[in-house]
Amino acid sequence: MLSITHIAVTLLLIQLLTLDRNDAFVAMLFGVFIDLDHLFGLVNYTQANGVTSIFNFHSLMNPGGQWKSILHAPIAAAVVAPLSSTFRLAIPFLFWGTHLLMDYAANTLGNFSALEGGLLVCATVGLVALRYARYTSERDSHSFSAYLGSELTNVRNMFHLNLRSRSVRERSGI
């Protein structure tokens, strides 16, 4: 599946489970960022298919491609299950399993099939509906435009804090 679908589904599950910041990070790690292993597998992929195959979209989207690591196989449960017990929660296992199920569906149905499009739309609508319901329960305003402004401010503040903390570290020599 496309990364945007993995992101939408993972964010929806984070909201449904009302995970705190640390658990949400673990959820994103196992639900989305596990796909970073594709970058390491790209070396093997180019050796098997040639460098020009990187620019061939149909070749890259081949579900049987050689660029998936062991983390995308069921045997990885031997690694993920102990990590889940370390976190005392099933978060890594749940989000890794969800990721694998979505990838399996993409391998069976094809990339960005109608099912994936529907899943992406449903996950996005569900995420916005949950966030909007929480917004209206915490504030007097029920305006959707005020909600969107609040979400935009939250995202801007998140990046502003990161930039500010980086500039403070640079000035202090850390």
Protein backbone atom coordinates (compact mmCIF):
# COMPACT_ATOMS: atom_id res chain seq x y z
CA MET A 1 0.00 0.00 0.00
CA LEU A 2 0.99 3.57 -0.41
CA SER A 3 2.61 5.31 2.53
CA ILE A 4 -0.19 7.85 2.79
CA THR A 5 -2.66 5.01 3.43
CA HIS A 6 -0.39 3.56 6.13
CA ILE A 7 -0.14 7.02 7.72
CA ALA A 8 -3.91 7.61 7.67
CA VAL A 9 -4.75 4.20 9.15
CA THR A 10 -2.04 4.48 11.81
CA LEU A 11 -3.16 7.97 12.84
CA LEU A 12 -6.76 6.77 13.02
CA LEU A 13 -5.79 3.86 15.28
CA ILE A 14 -3.73 6.21 17.47
CA GLN A 15 -6.79 8.41 17.90
CA LEU A 16 -9.13 5.46 18.53
CA LEU A 17 -6.79 4.06 21.18
CA THR A 18 -6.08 7.56 22.61
CA LEU A 19 -2.37 6.85 22.80
CA ASP A 20 -0.04 9.28 24.53
CA ARG A 21 2.91 10.85 22.72
CA ASN A 22 5.40 8.06 23.52
CA ASP A 23 3.05 5.25 22.55
CA ALA A 24 2.04 7.16 19.40
CA PHE A 25 5.72 7.34 18.43
CA VAL A 26 6.04 3.56 18.82
CA ALA A 27 2.83 3.11 16.82
CA MET A 28 4.17 5.30 13.99
CA LEU A 29 7.48 3.43 14.09
CA PHE A 30 5.85 0.03 13.58
CA GLY A 31 2.87 1.20 11.51
CA VAL A 32 4.60 3.53 9.05
CA PHE A 33 8.34 3.93 9.45
CA ILE A 34 8.93 0.19 9.15
CA ASP A 35 8.83 0.94 5.40
CA LEU A 36 12.19 2.69 5.66
CA ASP A 37 13.70 -0.76 5.23
CA HIS A 38 12.80 -0.38 1.54
CA LEU A 39 15.64 2.11 1.22
CA PHE A 40 18.09 -0.55 2.34
CA GLY A 41 16.52 -3.12 0.03
CA LEU A 42 16.79 -0.74 -2.90
CA VAL A 43 20.46 -1.72 -3.31
CA ASN A 44 19.49 -5.37 -3.86
CA TYR A 45 16.66 -4.25 -6.12
CA THR A 46 18.96 -2.24 -8.39
CA GLN A 47 21.46 -5.11 -8.51
CA ALA A 48 18.71 -7.50 -9.60
CA ASN A 49 16.87 -5.18 -12.01
CA GLY A 50 19.37 -2.49 -13.00
CA VAL A 51 19.57 1.17 -12.06
CA THR A 52 17.08 2.25 -14.71
CA SER A 53 14.37 0.16 -13.03
CA ILE A 54 14.26 2.75 -10.23
CA PHE A 55 12.62 5.13 -12.71
CA ASN A 56 10.11 2.53 -13.90
CA PHE A 57 7.00 2.95 -11.75
CA HIS A 58 5.48 -0.41 -12.72
CA SER A 59 8.71 -2.22 -11.89
CA LEU A 60 8.95 -0.51 -8.49
CA MET A 61 5.34 -1.29 -7.64
CA ASN A 62 5.78 -5.00 -8.39
CA PRO A 63 4.48 -6.74 -5.25
CA GLY A 64 7.07 -9.50 -5.64
CA GLY A 65 9.93 -7.01 -5.64
CA GLN A 66 13.22 -7.95 -4.01
CA TRP A 67 13.38 -4.84 -1.89
CA LYS A 68 11.43 -5.88 1.18
CA SER A 69 13.33 -6.92 4.26
CA ILE A 70 12.57 -9.63 6.79
CA LEU A 71 10.48 -7.07 8.72
CA HIS A 72 7.76 -7.53 6.10
CA ALA A 73 7.55 -11.29 6.61
CA PRO A 74 5.60 -13.19 9.26
CA ILE A 75 8.88 -14.49 10.72
CA ALA A 76 9.47 -10.96 12.06
CA ALA A 77 6.93 -11.77 14.77
CA ALA A 78 9.87 -13.42 16.55
CA VAL A 79 11.38 -9.94 16.87
CA VAL A 80 8.24 -7.83 17.27
CA ALA A 81 6.57 -9.99 19.94
CA PRO A 82 9.44 -9.60 22.47
CA LEU A 83 9.47 -5.86 21.76
CA SER A 84 5.75 -5.77 22.55
CA SER A 85 6.37 -7.42 25.90
CA THR A 86 9.18 -4.92 26.56
CA PHE A 87 6.75 -2.05 26.04
CA ARG A 88 4.22 -3.90 28.26
CA LEU A 89 1.67 -3.26 25.55
CA ALA A 90 0.71 -4.83 22.30
CA ILE A 91 1.27 -1.55 20.44
CA PRO A 92 4.28 -2.65 18.35
CA PHE A 93 2.64 -5.98 17.52
CA LEU A 94 -0.75 -4.42 16.72
CA PHE A 95 0.63 -1.73 14.42
CA TRP A 96 3.15 -4.04 12.75
CA GLY A 97 0.38 -6.58 12.13
CA THR A 98 -1.88 -3.89 10.70
CA HIS A 99 0.94 -2.79 8.40
CA LEU A 100 1.50 -6.36 7.17
CA LEU A 101 -2.22 -6.91 6.59
CA MET A 102 -2.40 -3.75 4.51
CA ASP A 103 0.67 -4.79 2.50
CA TYR A 104 -0.81 -8.25 1.97
CA ALA A 105 -4.02 -6.67 0.67
CA ALA A 106 -1.99 -4.49 -1.70
CA ASN A 107 -0.07 -7.54 -2.96
CA THR A 108 -3.33 -9.37 -3.59
CA LEU A 109 -5.39 -6.52 -5.05
CA GLY A 110 -2.67 -4.33 -6.59
CA ASN A 111 -1.32 -0.97 -5.58
CA PHE A 112 -3.89 1.76 -5.09
CA SER A 113 -6.79 -0.47 -5.89
CA ALA A 114 -10.36 0.61 -5.26
CA LEU A 115 -10.15 -1.06 -1.84
CA GLU A 116 -7.08 0.96 -0.91
CA GLY A 117 -8.71 4.15 -2.14
CA GLY A 118 -11.77 3.35 -0.04
CA LEU A 119 -9.63 2.55 2.99
CA LEU A 120 -7.74 5.82 2.59
CA VAL A 121 -10.95 7.84 2.33
CA CYS A 122 -12.60 6.04 5.28
CA ALA A 123 -9.52 6.37 7.50
CA THR A 124 -9.16 10.06 6.67
CA VAL A 125 -12.86 10.80 7.25
CA GLY A 126 -12.78 8.79 10.50
CA LEU A 127 -9.67 10.63 11.70
CA VAL A 128 -11.15 14.05 10.97
CA ALA A 129 -14.49 13.05 12.57
CA LEU A 130 -12.77 11.86 15.77
CA ARG A 131 -10.56 14.94 16.02
CA TYR A 132 -13.51 17.25 15.32
CA ALA A 133 -15.68 15.50 17.93
CA ARG A 134 -12.93 15.95 20.53
CA TYR A 135 -12.49 19.58 19.49
CA THR A 136 -16.21 20.38 19.87
CA SER A 137 -16.43 18.60 23.24
CA GLU A 138 -13.56 20.71 24.63
CA ARG A 139 -14.68 24.11 23.25
CA ASP A 140 -17.81 26.13 22.78
CA SER A 141 -17.13 26.62 19.08
CA HIS A 142 -18.65 24.03 16.76
CA SER A 143 -17.41 25.72 13.60
CA PHE A 144 -15.54 23.40 11.27
CA SER A 145 -13.40 26.28 10.00
CA ALA A 146 -12.37 27.08 13.59
CA TYR A 147 -11.44 23.42 14.01
CA LEU A 148 -9.30 23.48 10.86
CA GLY A 149 -7.62 26.66 12.09
CA SER A 150 -6.89 24.98 15.41
CA GLU A 151 -5.37 21.94 13.69
CA LEU A 152 -3.24 24.18 11.48
CA THR A 153 -2.04 26.12 14.54
CA ASN A 154 -1.15 22.86 16.31
CA VAL A 155 0.93 21.69 13.35
CA ARG A 156 2.61 25.10 13.02
CA ASN A 157 3.42 25.16 16.75
CA MET A 158 4.84 21.65 16.57
CA PHE A 159 7.30 22.67 13.87
CA HIS A 160 7.95 26.06 15.46
CA LEU A 161 8.93 24.40 18.75
CA ASN A 162 11.35 22.11 16.93
CA LEU A 163 12.93 25.05 15.12
CA ARG A 164 13.12 27.09 18.32
CA SER A 165 14.70 24.28 20.33
CA ARG A 166 17.24 23.70 17.56
CA SER A 167 18.23 27.37 17.48
CA VAL A 168 18.57 27.39 21.29
CA ARG A 169 20.86 24.34 21.09
CA GLU A 170 22.94 25.98 18.35
CA ARG A 171 23.40 29.15 20.41
CA SER A 172 24.35 27.23 23.51
CA GLY A 173 26.80 25.05 21.60
CA ILE A 174 25.05 21.74 22.34
